[in-house]
Amino acid sequence: MSVVPYYNKPMQAGIYAHFQAIALSTALPIVLHDVPSRTVRELADDTLLRLAERRQFIGLRDGTGDVTRPLRLCGRLRTGFRLMSGDDATALAFVGAGGDGCISTVANVTPDLCRAIHSSLRQGRLQTSRYLQRRLGALQACLGRESPAALKYALSLLGLMRPTMRLPLVELDEPSRAAVASALMNVADEDLLGAAEA
């Protein structure tokens, strides 16, 4: 996965050249990552369409929260190019609008629940998908506020990793830890509870 270049605010032509240079440096498949809240620059639809012509670019992780993007792009992208949401809060709407799935943060913590949400949506059980998605609301909000420290802390509660961070990131303060733990317990199913107790 390769993110839109950050800090220096490149033009779309520079973003295009950047990704082409990456593609020339490797034979690996590349997922483009558009997350303007972190990079301050978006990957414009026209730039994405140009990049997607090259088969080495296999998909997009869209962290913009723009649920209309699949509607705009689905008929214009080559077959096999995947549009994946990168924003948990809007993933259900993104997939419902024609997206292919989600590269999720919260699925690291609740994979079975996230799989059930997307499976229900694919089966046309929209009400079930919405109900399950609402169960994730508080946890998604906690993880999104202090990412990635909150994700690492949630995973540490499940015994999967330590919550340590490298500077300039630091571990969560006590109120944030309590919020993550509470949100996690509110969505915890038997699998999560078992993992947390193990």
N, C-alpha and C. Protein backbone atom coordinates (compact mmCIF):
# COMPACT_ATOMS: atom_id res chain seq x y z
N MET A 1 0.85 -1.16 0.00
CA MET A 1 0.00 0.00 0.00
C MET A 1 0.90 1.22 0.00
N SER A 2 0.59 2.16 -0.86
CA SER A 2 1.41 3.35 -1.00
C SER A 2 0.53 4.59 -0.88
N VAL A 3 0.85 5.45 0.06
CA VAL A 3 0.02 6.61 0.38
C VAL A 3 0.38 7.79 -0.51
N VAL A 4 -0.60 8.66 -0.73
CA VAL A 4 -0.37 9.91 -1.44
C VAL A 4 0.73 10.67 -0.69
N PRO A 5 1.70 11.24 -1.42
CA PRO A 5 2.79 11.96 -0.74
C PRO A 5 2.26 13.09 0.14
N TYR A 6 2.88 13.27 1.28
CA TYR A 6 2.40 14.24 2.26
C TYR A 6 3.42 15.34 2.47
N TYR A 7 3.04 16.31 3.21
CA TYR A 7 3.82 17.45 3.68
C TYR A 7 4.06 18.53 2.62
N ASN A 8 4.56 18.16 1.42
CA ASN A 8 4.93 19.20 0.46
C ASN A 8 3.81 19.58 -0.50
N LYS A 9 2.61 19.05 -0.33
CA LYS A 9 1.42 19.42 -1.09
C LYS A 9 1.64 19.36 -2.61
N PRO A 10 1.96 18.19 -3.17
CA PRO A 10 2.22 18.12 -4.61
C PRO A 10 0.95 18.33 -5.43
N MET A 11 1.16 18.80 -6.66
CA MET A 11 0.06 18.89 -7.63
C MET A 11 -0.32 17.48 -8.06
N GLN A 12 -1.46 17.34 -8.74
CA GLN A 12 -1.89 16.02 -9.22
C GLN A 12 -0.85 15.42 -10.17
N ALA A 13 -0.21 16.26 -10.99
CA ALA A 13 0.83 15.74 -11.89
C ALA A 13 1.99 15.16 -11.10
N GLY A 14 2.32 15.79 -9.97
CA GLY A 14 3.39 15.27 -9.12
C GLY A 14 2.98 13.98 -8.42
N ILE A 15 1.72 13.89 -8.01
CA ILE A 15 1.22 12.66 -7.39
C ILE A 15 1.28 11.52 -8.40
N TYR A 16 0.86 11.79 -9.63
CA TYR A 16 0.90 10.79 -10.69
C TYR A 16 2.35 10.33 -10.93
N ALA A 17 3.26 11.27 -11.05
CA ALA A 17 4.67 10.93 -11.29
C ALA A 17 5.25 10.14 -10.12
N HIS A 18 4.86 10.51 -8.91
CA HIS A 18 5.33 9.81 -7.70
C HIS A 18 4.95 8.33 -7.76
N PHE A 19 3.68 8.06 -8.01
CA PHE A 19 3.22 6.66 -8.05
C PHE A 19 3.81 5.90 -9.23
N GLN A 20 4.01 6.56 -10.35
CA GLN A 20 4.65 5.89 -11.50
C GLN A 20 6.09 5.51 -11.15
N ALA A 21 6.80 6.38 -10.45
CA ALA A 21 8.17 6.08 -10.03
C ALA A 21 8.20 4.89 -9.08
N ILE A 22 7.24 4.81 -8.18
CA ILE A 22 7.15 3.66 -7.28
C ILE A 22 6.92 2.39 -8.08
N ALA A 23 6.00 2.44 -9.03
CA ALA A 23 5.70 1.26 -9.85
C ALA A 23 6.93 0.79 -10.63
N LEU A 24 7.73 1.73 -11.10
CA LEU A 24 8.94 1.36 -11.85
C LEU A 24 10.01 0.75 -10.95
N SER A 25 9.93 1.01 -9.64
CA SER A 25 10.96 0.52 -8.73
C SER A 25 10.69 -0.87 -8.18
N THR A 26 9.52 -1.46 -8.48
CA THR A 26 9.17 -2.75 -7.92
C THR A 26 8.29 -3.53 -8.90
N ALA A 27 8.27 -4.82 -8.75
CA ALA A 27 7.35 -5.66 -9.53
C ALA A 27 6.11 -6.01 -8.72
N LEU A 28 6.06 -5.58 -7.47
CA LEU A 28 4.94 -5.91 -6.59
C LEU A 28 3.66 -5.18 -7.02
N PRO A 29 2.50 -5.78 -6.74
CA PRO A 29 1.25 -5.06 -6.96
C PRO A 29 1.13 -3.93 -5.93
N ILE A 30 0.46 -2.85 -6.32
CA ILE A 30 0.38 -1.66 -5.47
C ILE A 30 -1.08 -1.29 -5.25
N VAL A 31 -1.42 -1.07 -3.98
CA VAL A 31 -2.72 -0.50 -3.61
C VAL A 31 -2.47 0.96 -3.29
N LEU A 32 -3.15 1.84 -3.99
CA LEU A 32 -3.05 3.27 -3.74
C LEU A 32 -3.82 3.60 -2.47
N HIS A 33 -3.31 4.54 -1.69
CA HIS A 33 -3.96 4.89 -0.42
C HIS A 33 -4.22 6.39 -0.42
N ASP A 34 -5.49 6.76 -0.44
CA ASP A 34 -5.90 8.16 -0.44
C ASP A 34 -6.48 8.50 0.92
N VAL A 35 -5.77 9.27 1.70
CA VAL A 35 -6.21 9.65 3.04
C VAL A 35 -5.84 11.12 3.29
N PRO A 36 -6.58 12.05 2.67
CA PRO A 36 -6.22 13.46 2.75
C PRO A 36 -6.21 14.06 4.15
N SER A 37 -6.89 13.44 5.11
CA SER A 37 -6.82 13.96 6.48
C SER A 37 -5.42 13.86 7.04
N ARG A 38 -4.60 12.97 6.49
CA ARG A 38 -3.22 12.83 6.93
C ARG A 38 -2.21 13.41 5.95
N THR A 39 -2.56 13.46 4.66
CA THR A 39 -1.59 13.90 3.65
C THR A 39 -1.82 15.32 3.18
N VAL A 40 -2.97 15.88 3.42
CA VAL A 40 -3.38 17.22 3.02
C VAL A 40 -3.61 17.33 1.51
N ARG A 41 -3.45 16.27 0.78
CA ARG A 41 -3.72 16.25 -0.66
C ARG A 41 -4.55 15.02 -0.98
N GLU A 42 -5.57 15.22 -1.82
CA GLU A 42 -6.38 14.09 -2.26
C GLU A 42 -5.83 13.51 -3.56
N LEU A 43 -6.19 12.28 -3.81
CA LEU A 43 -5.90 11.64 -5.10
C LEU A 43 -7.14 11.87 -5.95
N ALA A 44 -7.07 12.80 -6.89
CA ALA A 44 -8.23 13.18 -7.70
C ALA A 44 -8.68 11.98 -8.54
N ASP A 45 -9.97 11.94 -8.84
CA ASP A 45 -10.53 10.85 -9.64
C ASP A 45 -9.78 10.70 -10.97
N ASP A 46 -9.52 11.81 -11.65
CA ASP A 46 -8.84 11.72 -12.96
C ASP A 46 -7.44 11.14 -12.83
N THR A 47 -6.72 11.51 -11.77
CA THR A 47 -5.39 10.94 -11.53
C THR A 47 -5.49 9.46 -11.22
N LEU A 48 -6.47 9.08 -10.41
CA LEU A 48 -6.69 7.67 -10.09
C LEU A 48 -6.98 6.87 -11.36
N LEU A 49 -7.84 7.40 -12.21
CA LEU A 49 -8.19 6.69 -13.45
C LEU A 49 -6.96 6.49 -14.34
N ARG A 50 -6.11 7.49 -14.42
CA ARG A 50 -4.87 7.36 -15.22
C ARG A 50 -3.96 6.30 -14.62
N LEU A 51 -3.79 6.31 -13.31
CA LEU A 51 -2.92 5.32 -12.66
C LEU A 51 -3.49 3.91 -12.80
N ALA A 52 -4.79 3.77 -12.70
CA ALA A 52 -5.43 2.45 -12.74
C ALA A 52 -5.27 1.77 -14.10
N GLU A 53 -4.91 2.52 -15.13
CA GLU A 53 -4.66 1.90 -16.43
C GLU A 53 -3.49 0.93 -16.37
N ARG A 54 -2.56 1.21 -15.48
CA ARG A 54 -1.40 0.32 -15.30
C ARG A 54 -1.82 -0.83 -14.39
N ARG A 55 -1.69 -2.05 -14.85
CA ARG A 55 -2.18 -3.22 -14.11
C ARG A 55 -1.48 -3.44 -12.78
N GLN A 56 -0.34 -2.86 -12.59
CA GLN A 56 0.38 -3.00 -11.33
C GLN A 56 -0.38 -2.34 -10.18
N PHE A 57 -1.18 -1.31 -10.51
CA PHE A 57 -2.03 -0.68 -9.51
C PHE A 57 -3.32 -1.49 -9.45
N ILE A 58 -3.51 -2.20 -8.32
CA ILE A 58 -4.61 -3.17 -8.25
C ILE A 58 -5.82 -2.66 -7.49
N GLY A 59 -5.69 -1.54 -6.80
CA GLY A 59 -6.83 -1.06 -6.05
C GLY A 59 -6.55 0.24 -5.34
N LEU A 60 -7.59 0.72 -4.68
CA LEU A 60 -7.52 1.95 -3.91
C LEU A 60 -8.07 1.71 -2.52
N ARG A 61 -7.34 2.14 -1.52
CA ARG A 61 -7.89 2.25 -0.16
C ARG A 61 -8.29 3.71 0.01
N ASP A 62 -9.60 3.94 0.02
CA ASP A 62 -10.14 5.29 0.04
C ASP A 62 -10.47 5.69 1.46
N GLY A 63 -9.65 6.55 2.04
CA GLY A 63 -9.86 7.03 3.40
C GLY A 63 -10.49 8.41 3.43
N THR A 64 -11.14 8.81 2.33
CA THR A 64 -11.72 10.15 2.27
C THR A 64 -13.06 10.25 2.97
N GLY A 65 -13.77 9.14 3.12
CA GLY A 65 -15.12 9.17 3.66
C GLY A 65 -16.15 9.54 2.61
N ASP A 66 -15.73 9.68 1.35
CA ASP A 66 -16.63 10.03 0.25
C ASP A 66 -17.33 8.79 -0.25
N VAL A 67 -18.56 8.58 0.19
CA VAL A 67 -19.29 7.36 -0.17
C VAL A 67 -19.83 7.39 -1.59
N THR A 68 -19.72 8.53 -2.26
CA THR A 68 -20.18 8.61 -3.66
C THR A 68 -19.09 8.23 -4.65
N ARG A 69 -17.88 8.05 -4.20
CA ARG A 69 -16.78 7.76 -5.12
C ARG A 69 -17.00 6.48 -5.93
N PRO A 70 -17.44 5.38 -5.32
CA PRO A 70 -17.70 4.19 -6.14
C PRO A 70 -18.73 4.45 -7.24
N LEU A 71 -19.75 5.24 -6.93
CA LEU A 71 -20.76 5.56 -7.94
C LEU A 71 -20.14 6.29 -9.13
N ARG A 72 -19.20 7.18 -8.85
CA ARG A 72 -18.55 7.95 -9.91
C ARG A 72 -17.57 7.10 -10.72
N LEU A 73 -16.92 6.12 -10.07
CA LEU A 73 -15.79 5.45 -10.71
C LEU A 73 -16.05 4.04 -11.22
N CYS A 74 -17.03 3.33 -10.68
CA CYS A 74 -17.19 1.91 -11.00
C CYS A 74 -17.22 1.61 -12.49
N GLY A 75 -17.94 2.37 -13.26
CA GLY A 75 -18.03 2.11 -14.70
C GLY A 75 -16.84 2.61 -15.49
N ARG A 76 -15.94 3.32 -14.85
CA ARG A 76 -14.82 3.93 -15.56
C ARG A 76 -13.48 3.24 -15.31
N LEU A 77 -13.44 2.35 -14.31
CA LEU A 77 -12.20 1.66 -13.96
C LEU A 77 -12.10 0.33 -14.70
N ARG A 78 -10.89 -0.10 -14.96
CA ARG A 78 -10.70 -1.39 -15.64
C ARG A 78 -11.17 -2.52 -14.74
N THR A 79 -11.54 -3.62 -15.36
CA THR A 79 -11.96 -4.81 -14.62
C THR A 79 -10.82 -5.29 -13.74
N GLY A 80 -11.13 -5.63 -12.52
CA GLY A 80 -10.12 -6.14 -11.59
C GLY A 80 -9.56 -5.11 -10.65
N PHE A 81 -9.74 -3.82 -10.94
CA PHE A 81 -9.28 -2.79 -10.03
C PHE A 81 -10.30 -2.68 -8.90
N ARG A 82 -9.85 -2.75 -7.65
CA ARG A 82 -10.74 -2.80 -6.49
C ARG A 82 -10.79 -1.47 -5.76
N LEU A 83 -12.02 -1.05 -5.46
CA LEU A 83 -12.25 0.14 -4.64
C LEU A 83 -12.57 -0.32 -3.23
N MET A 84 -11.69 -0.01 -2.30
CA MET A 84 -11.84 -0.44 -0.91
C MET A 84 -11.95 0.80 -0.02
N SER A 85 -12.91 0.78 0.87
CA SER A 85 -13.02 1.86 1.84
C SER A 85 -11.86 1.75 2.82
N GLY A 86 -11.36 2.87 3.25
CA GLY A 86 -10.36 2.91 4.29
C GLY A 86 -10.87 3.70 5.48
N ASP A 87 -12.19 3.92 5.51
CA ASP A 87 -12.83 4.70 6.56
C ASP A 87 -13.93 3.85 7.17
N ASP A 88 -13.68 3.29 8.34
CA ASP A 88 -14.64 2.37 8.96
C ASP A 88 -16.03 2.96 9.14
N ALA A 89 -16.09 4.23 9.47
CA ALA A 89 -17.39 4.84 9.77
C ALA A 89 -18.30 4.90 8.55
N THR A 90 -17.72 4.97 7.36
CA THR A 90 -18.53 5.06 6.14
C THR A 90 -18.40 3.83 5.24
N ALA A 91 -17.76 2.79 5.71
CA ALA A 91 -17.50 1.61 4.88
C ALA A 91 -18.77 0.95 4.39
N LEU A 92 -19.77 0.85 5.24
CA LEU A 92 -21.02 0.20 4.85
C LEU A 92 -21.66 0.94 3.67
N ALA A 93 -21.73 2.26 3.75
CA ALA A 93 -22.29 3.05 2.66
C ALA A 93 -21.42 2.97 1.41
N PHE A 94 -20.10 2.94 1.59
CA PHE A 94 -19.16 2.85 0.47
C PHE A 94 -19.38 1.55 -0.30
N VAL A 95 -19.48 0.45 0.43
CA VAL A 95 -19.71 -0.86 -0.22
C VAL A 95 -21.10 -0.89 -0.84
N GLY A 96 -22.07 -0.32 -0.14
CA GLY A 96 -23.43 -0.26 -0.67
C GLY A 96 -23.52 0.54 -1.96
N ALA A 97 -22.60 1.49 -2.15
CA ALA A 97 -22.58 2.31 -3.36
C ALA A 97 -21.77 1.68 -4.48
N GLY A 98 -21.28 0.45 -4.26
CA GLY A 98 -20.54 -0.24 -5.31
C GLY A 98 -19.10 -0.53 -5.01
N GLY A 99 -18.62 -0.13 -3.83
CA GLY A 99 -17.25 -0.46 -3.45
C GLY A 99 -17.08 -1.96 -3.26
N ASP A 100 -15.83 -2.40 -3.30
CA ASP A 100 -15.55 -3.84 -3.23
C ASP A 100 -15.33 -4.37 -1.83
N GLY A 101 -15.11 -3.50 -0.86
CA GLY A 101 -14.85 -3.96 0.50
C GLY A 101 -14.20 -2.86 1.31
N CYS A 102 -13.48 -3.27 2.34
CA CYS A 102 -12.88 -2.31 3.26
C CYS A 102 -11.54 -2.84 3.75
N ILE A 103 -10.54 -1.99 3.74
CA ILE A 103 -9.28 -2.27 4.45
C ILE A 103 -9.44 -1.51 5.76
N SER A 104 -9.82 -2.24 6.78
CA SER A 104 -10.38 -1.69 8.00
C SER A 104 -9.40 -1.62 9.15
N THR A 105 -9.56 -0.61 9.98
CA THR A 105 -8.83 -0.53 11.24
C THR A 105 -9.53 -1.38 12.30
N VAL A 106 -10.84 -1.18 12.45
CA VAL A 106 -11.59 -1.86 13.51
C VAL A 106 -11.63 -3.38 13.29
N ALA A 107 -11.49 -3.82 12.06
CA ALA A 107 -11.49 -5.27 11.80
C ALA A 107 -10.29 -5.97 12.42
N ASN A 108 -9.25 -5.22 12.74
CA ASN A 108 -8.13 -5.81 13.46
C ASN A 108 -8.55 -6.25 14.86
N VAL A 109 -9.57 -5.59 15.41
CA VAL A 109 -10.04 -5.86 16.76
C VAL A 109 -11.26 -6.78 16.75
N THR A 110 -12.15 -6.57 15.80
CA THR A 110 -13.41 -7.32 15.73
C THR A 110 -13.60 -7.94 14.35
N PRO A 111 -12.71 -8.82 13.92
CA PRO A 111 -12.80 -9.35 12.55
C PRO A 111 -14.10 -10.11 12.26
N ASP A 112 -14.57 -10.89 13.21
CA ASP A 112 -15.80 -11.65 12.96
C ASP A 112 -17.00 -10.75 12.79
N LEU A 113 -17.09 -9.71 13.61
CA LEU A 113 -18.21 -8.78 13.49
C LEU A 113 -18.15 -8.02 12.17
N CYS A 114 -16.97 -7.58 11.78
CA CYS A 114 -16.82 -6.87 10.49
C CYS A 114 -17.15 -7.79 9.32
N ARG A 115 -16.73 -9.03 9.39
CA ARG A 115 -17.06 -9.99 8.34
C ARG A 115 -18.58 -10.20 8.26
N ALA A 116 -19.24 -10.27 9.41
CA ALA A 116 -20.70 -10.45 9.44
C ALA A 116 -21.41 -9.24 8.84
N ILE A 117 -20.90 -8.04 9.10
CA ILE A 117 -21.49 -6.83 8.53
C ILE A 117 -21.44 -6.88 7.01
N HIS A 118 -20.26 -7.15 6.47
CA HIS A 118 -20.10 -7.14 5.01
C HIS A 118 -20.80 -8.33 4.36
N SER A 119 -20.81 -9.46 5.02
CA SER A 119 -21.53 -10.62 4.50
C SER A 119 -23.03 -10.35 4.44
N SER A 120 -23.56 -9.75 5.48
CA SER A 120 -24.99 -9.41 5.50
C SER A 120 -25.32 -8.43 4.38
N LEU A 121 -24.46 -7.46 4.17
CA LEU A 121 -24.68 -6.48 3.10
C LEU A 121 -24.69 -7.17 1.74
N ARG A 122 -23.72 -8.05 1.51
CA ARG A 122 -23.63 -8.77 0.22
C ARG A 122 -24.85 -9.67 -0.02
N GLN A 123 -25.45 -10.16 1.07
CA GLN A 123 -26.63 -11.02 0.97
C GLN A 123 -27.93 -10.21 0.90
N GLY A 124 -27.81 -8.90 0.88
CA GLY A 124 -28.99 -8.05 0.78
C GLY A 124 -29.72 -7.84 2.09
N ARG A 125 -29.07 -8.19 3.20
CA ARG A 125 -29.70 -8.03 4.52
C ARG A 125 -29.22 -6.70 5.12
N LEU A 126 -29.73 -5.62 4.55
CA LEU A 126 -29.28 -4.28 4.92
C LEU A 126 -29.59 -3.94 6.37
N GLN A 127 -30.76 -4.32 6.86
CA GLN A 127 -31.13 -4.01 8.24
C GLN A 127 -30.16 -4.69 9.22
N THR A 128 -29.78 -5.94 8.95
CA THR A 128 -28.82 -6.63 9.80
C THR A 128 -27.47 -5.93 9.75
N SER A 129 -27.04 -5.55 8.55
CA SER A 129 -25.76 -4.84 8.41
C SER A 129 -25.75 -3.55 9.21
N ARG A 130 -26.83 -2.80 9.11
CA ARG A 130 -26.91 -1.54 9.85
C ARG A 130 -26.87 -1.77 11.36
N TYR A 131 -27.62 -2.76 11.83
CA TYR A 131 -27.64 -3.07 13.25
C TYR A 131 -26.24 -3.43 13.75
N LEU A 132 -25.56 -4.30 13.02
CA LEU A 132 -24.20 -4.70 13.43
C LEU A 132 -23.23 -3.53 13.35
N GLN A 133 -23.37 -2.70 12.33
CA GLN A 133 -22.50 -1.53 12.18
C GLN A 133 -22.68 -0.57 13.36
N ARG A 134 -23.91 -0.39 13.80
CA ARG A 134 -24.15 0.50 14.96
C ARG A 134 -23.44 -0.02 16.21
N ARG A 135 -23.32 -1.33 16.34
CA ARG A 135 -22.60 -1.89 17.50
C ARG A 135 -21.15 -1.42 17.53
N LEU A 136 -20.59 -1.10 16.37
CA LEU A 136 -19.19 -0.70 16.29
C LEU A 136 -18.96 0.80 16.48
N GLY A 137 -20.03 1.58 16.53
CA GLY A 137 -19.89 3.04 16.51
C GLY A 137 -18.93 3.61 17.54
N ALA A 138 -19.11 3.27 18.80
CA ALA A 138 -18.26 3.84 19.86
C ALA A 138 -16.81 3.37 19.72
N LEU A 139 -16.62 2.10 19.36
CA LEU A 139 -15.25 1.59 19.19
C LEU A 139 -14.57 2.27 18.01
N GLN A 140 -15.29 2.43 16.90
CA GLN A 140 -14.72 3.12 15.75
C GLN A 140 -14.32 4.54 16.11
N ALA A 141 -15.16 5.22 16.87
CA ALA A 141 -14.86 6.60 17.28
C ALA A 141 -13.60 6.65 18.14
N CYS A 142 -13.49 5.72 19.10
CA CYS A 142 -12.29 5.67 19.95
C CYS A 142 -11.03 5.40 19.14
N LEU A 143 -11.12 4.44 18.24
CA LEU A 143 -9.94 4.09 17.44
C LEU A 143 -9.55 5.23 16.51
N GLY A 144 -10.53 5.96 16.01
CA GLY A 144 -10.26 7.05 15.09
C GLY A 144 -9.69 8.29 15.74
N ARG A 145 -10.03 8.53 17.00
CA ARG A 145 -9.57 9.74 17.69
C ARG A 145 -8.06 9.75 17.91
N GLU A 146 -7.51 8.65 18.31
CA GLU A 146 -6.09 8.60 18.66
C GLU A 146 -5.40 7.45 17.92
N SER A 147 -5.54 7.42 16.62
CA SER A 147 -4.95 6.35 15.82
C SER A 147 -3.47 6.65 15.59
N PRO A 148 -2.61 5.68 15.72
CA PRO A 148 -2.80 4.26 15.94
C PRO A 148 -2.68 3.81 17.40
N ALA A 149 -2.47 4.76 18.32
CA ALA A 149 -2.28 4.38 19.73
C ALA A 149 -3.50 3.64 20.28
N ALA A 150 -4.69 4.10 19.90
CA ALA A 150 -5.90 3.45 20.41
C ALA A 150 -6.04 2.03 19.87
N LEU A 151 -5.68 1.83 18.60
CA LEU A 151 -5.74 0.48 18.03
C LEU A 151 -4.76 -0.44 18.75
N LYS A 152 -3.55 0.03 18.97
CA LYS A 152 -2.57 -0.81 19.66
C LYS A 152 -3.02 -1.12 21.09
N TYR A 153 -3.65 -0.16 21.74
CA TYR A 153 -4.13 -0.42 23.09
C TYR A 153 -5.26 -1.46 23.07
N ALA A 154 -6.20 -1.32 22.14
CA ALA A 154 -7.29 -2.30 22.03
C ALA A 154 -6.72 -3.70 21.77
N LEU A 155 -5.75 -3.79 20.89
CA LEU A 155 -5.14 -5.09 20.61
C LEU A 155 -4.37 -5.62 21.81
N SER A 156 -3.82 -4.73 22.62
CA SER A 156 -3.12 -5.18 23.83
C SER A 156 -4.12 -5.75 24.83
N LEU A 157 -5.34 -5.19 24.88
CA LEU A 157 -6.37 -5.73 25.77
C LEU A 157 -6.76 -7.15 25.37
N LEU A 158 -6.60 -7.46 24.10
CA LEU A 158 -6.89 -8.80 23.60
C LEU A 158 -5.67 -9.72 23.68
N GLY A 159 -4.57 -9.20 24.21
CA GLY A 159 -3.37 -10.00 24.36
C GLY A 159 -2.59 -10.22 23.08
N LEU A 160 -2.80 -9.35 22.08
CA LEU A 160 -2.17 -9.55 20.78
C LEU A 160 -0.90 -8.75 20.56
N MET A 161 -0.69 -7.70 21.34
CA MET A 161 0.52 -6.89 21.21
C MET A 161 0.66 -5.98 22.41
N ARG A 162 1.80 -5.32 22.51
CA ARG A 162 2.00 -4.33 23.56
C ARG A 162 1.53 -2.97 23.05
N PRO A 163 1.10 -2.08 23.93
CA PRO A 163 0.59 -0.77 23.48
C PRO A 163 1.67 0.28 23.29
N THR A 164 2.94 -0.10 23.30
CA THR A 164 4.02 0.87 23.21
C THR A 164 4.03 1.57 21.85
N MET A 165 4.48 2.81 21.84
CA MET A 165 4.53 3.63 20.65
C MET A 165 5.93 4.21 20.50
N ARG A 166 6.25 4.63 19.27
CA ARG A 166 7.50 5.34 19.01
C ARG A 166 7.19 6.83 18.86
N LEU A 167 8.08 7.67 19.38
CA LEU A 167 7.92 9.12 19.27
C LEU A 167 7.88 9.52 17.80
N PRO A 168 7.06 10.49 17.45
CA PRO A 168 6.37 11.44 18.32
C PRO A 168 5.03 10.93 18.85
N LEU A 169 4.66 9.70 18.56
CA LEU A 169 3.43 9.14 19.11
C LEU A 169 3.70 8.62 20.51
N VAL A 170 2.70 8.71 21.37
CA VAL A 170 2.83 8.22 22.74
C VAL A 170 1.61 7.35 23.06
N GLU A 171 1.71 6.59 24.14
CA GLU A 171 0.61 5.74 24.55
C GLU A 171 -0.57 6.59 25.03
N LEU A 172 -1.74 5.99 25.03
CA LEU A 172 -2.96 6.67 25.45
C LEU A 172 -2.89 7.07 26.93
N ASP A 173 -3.55 8.19 27.24
CA ASP A 173 -3.69 8.56 28.65
C ASP A 173 -4.79 7.70 29.27
N GLU A 174 -4.93 7.77 30.59
CA GLU A 174 -5.88 6.90 31.30
C GLU A 174 -7.34 7.08 30.87
N PRO A 175 -7.83 8.33 30.70
CA PRO A 175 -9.22 8.47 30.25
C PRO A 175 -9.46 7.83 28.87
N SER A 176 -8.49 7.97 27.98
CA SER A 176 -8.63 7.37 26.64
C SER A 176 -8.58 5.85 26.72
N ARG A 177 -7.72 5.33 27.59
CA ARG A 177 -7.67 3.87 27.78
C ARG A 177 -9.00 3.34 28.29
N ALA A 178 -9.58 4.05 29.25
CA ALA A 178 -10.87 3.63 29.80
C ALA A 178 -11.95 3.66 28.73
N ALA A 179 -11.92 4.67 27.86
CA ALA A 179 -12.92 4.77 26.78
C ALA A 179 -12.78 3.61 25.80
N VAL A 180 -11.54 3.28 25.43
CA VAL A 180 -11.31 2.15 24.51
C VAL A 180 -11.77 0.85 25.16
N ALA A 181 -11.41 0.64 26.41
CA ALA A 181 -11.80 -0.60 27.10
C ALA A 181 -13.32 -0.72 27.19
N SER A 182 -13.99 0.38 27.51
CA SER A 182 -15.45 0.36 27.60
C SER A 182 -16.09 0.08 26.24
N ALA A 183 -15.60 0.74 25.20
CA ALA A 183 -16.14 0.53 23.85
C ALA A 183 -15.91 -0.90 23.39
N LEU A 184 -14.75 -1.44 23.72
CA LEU A 184 -14.45 -2.81 23.35
C LEU A 184 -15.38 -3.79 24.06
N MET A 185 -15.62 -3.57 25.33
CA MET A 185 -16.52 -4.45 26.07
C MET A 185 -17.96 -4.37 25.56
N ASN A 186 -18.34 -3.21 25.04
CA ASN A 186 -19.70 -3.05 24.53
C ASN A 186 -19.94 -3.82 23.23
N VAL A 187 -18.89 -4.11 22.49
CA VAL A 187 -19.06 -4.89 21.25
C VAL A 187 -18.56 -6.31 21.40
N ALA A 188 -18.01 -6.61 22.57
CA ALA A 188 -17.37 -7.91 22.76
C ALA A 188 -18.38 -9.04 22.61
N ASP A 189 -18.02 -10.00 21.78
CA ASP A 189 -18.81 -11.22 21.69
C ASP A 189 -18.00 -12.33 22.37
N GLU A 190 -18.47 -13.52 22.32
CA GLU A 190 -17.79 -14.62 23.02
C GLU A 190 -16.35 -14.78 22.55
N ASP A 191 -16.10 -14.62 21.24
CA ASP A 191 -14.74 -14.77 20.74
C ASP A 191 -13.81 -13.71 21.33
N LEU A 192 -14.27 -12.46 21.36
CA LEU A 192 -13.44 -11.40 21.93
C LEU A 192 -13.21 -11.61 23.42
N LEU A 193 -14.27 -11.94 24.14
CA LEU A 193 -14.12 -12.16 25.58
C LEU A 193 -13.16 -13.30 25.86
N GLY A 194 -13.24 -14.36 25.08
CA GLY A 194 -12.32 -15.47 25.26
C GLY A 194 -10.89 -15.07 25.00
N ALA A 195 -10.67 -14.26 23.96
CA ALA A 195 -9.31 -13.81 23.65
C ALA A 195 -8.78 -12.90 24.75
N ALA A 196 -9.65 -12.04 25.29
CA ALA A 196 -9.22 -11.13 26.33
C ALA A 196 -8.89 -11.85 27.62
N GLU A 197 -9.56 -12.96 27.90
CA GLU A 197 -9.31 -13.70 29.13
C GLU A 197 -8.13 -14.65 29.02
N ALA A 198 -7.76 -15.01 27.79
CA ALA A 198 -6.69 -15.99 27.58
C ALA A 198 -5.34 -15.45 27.98
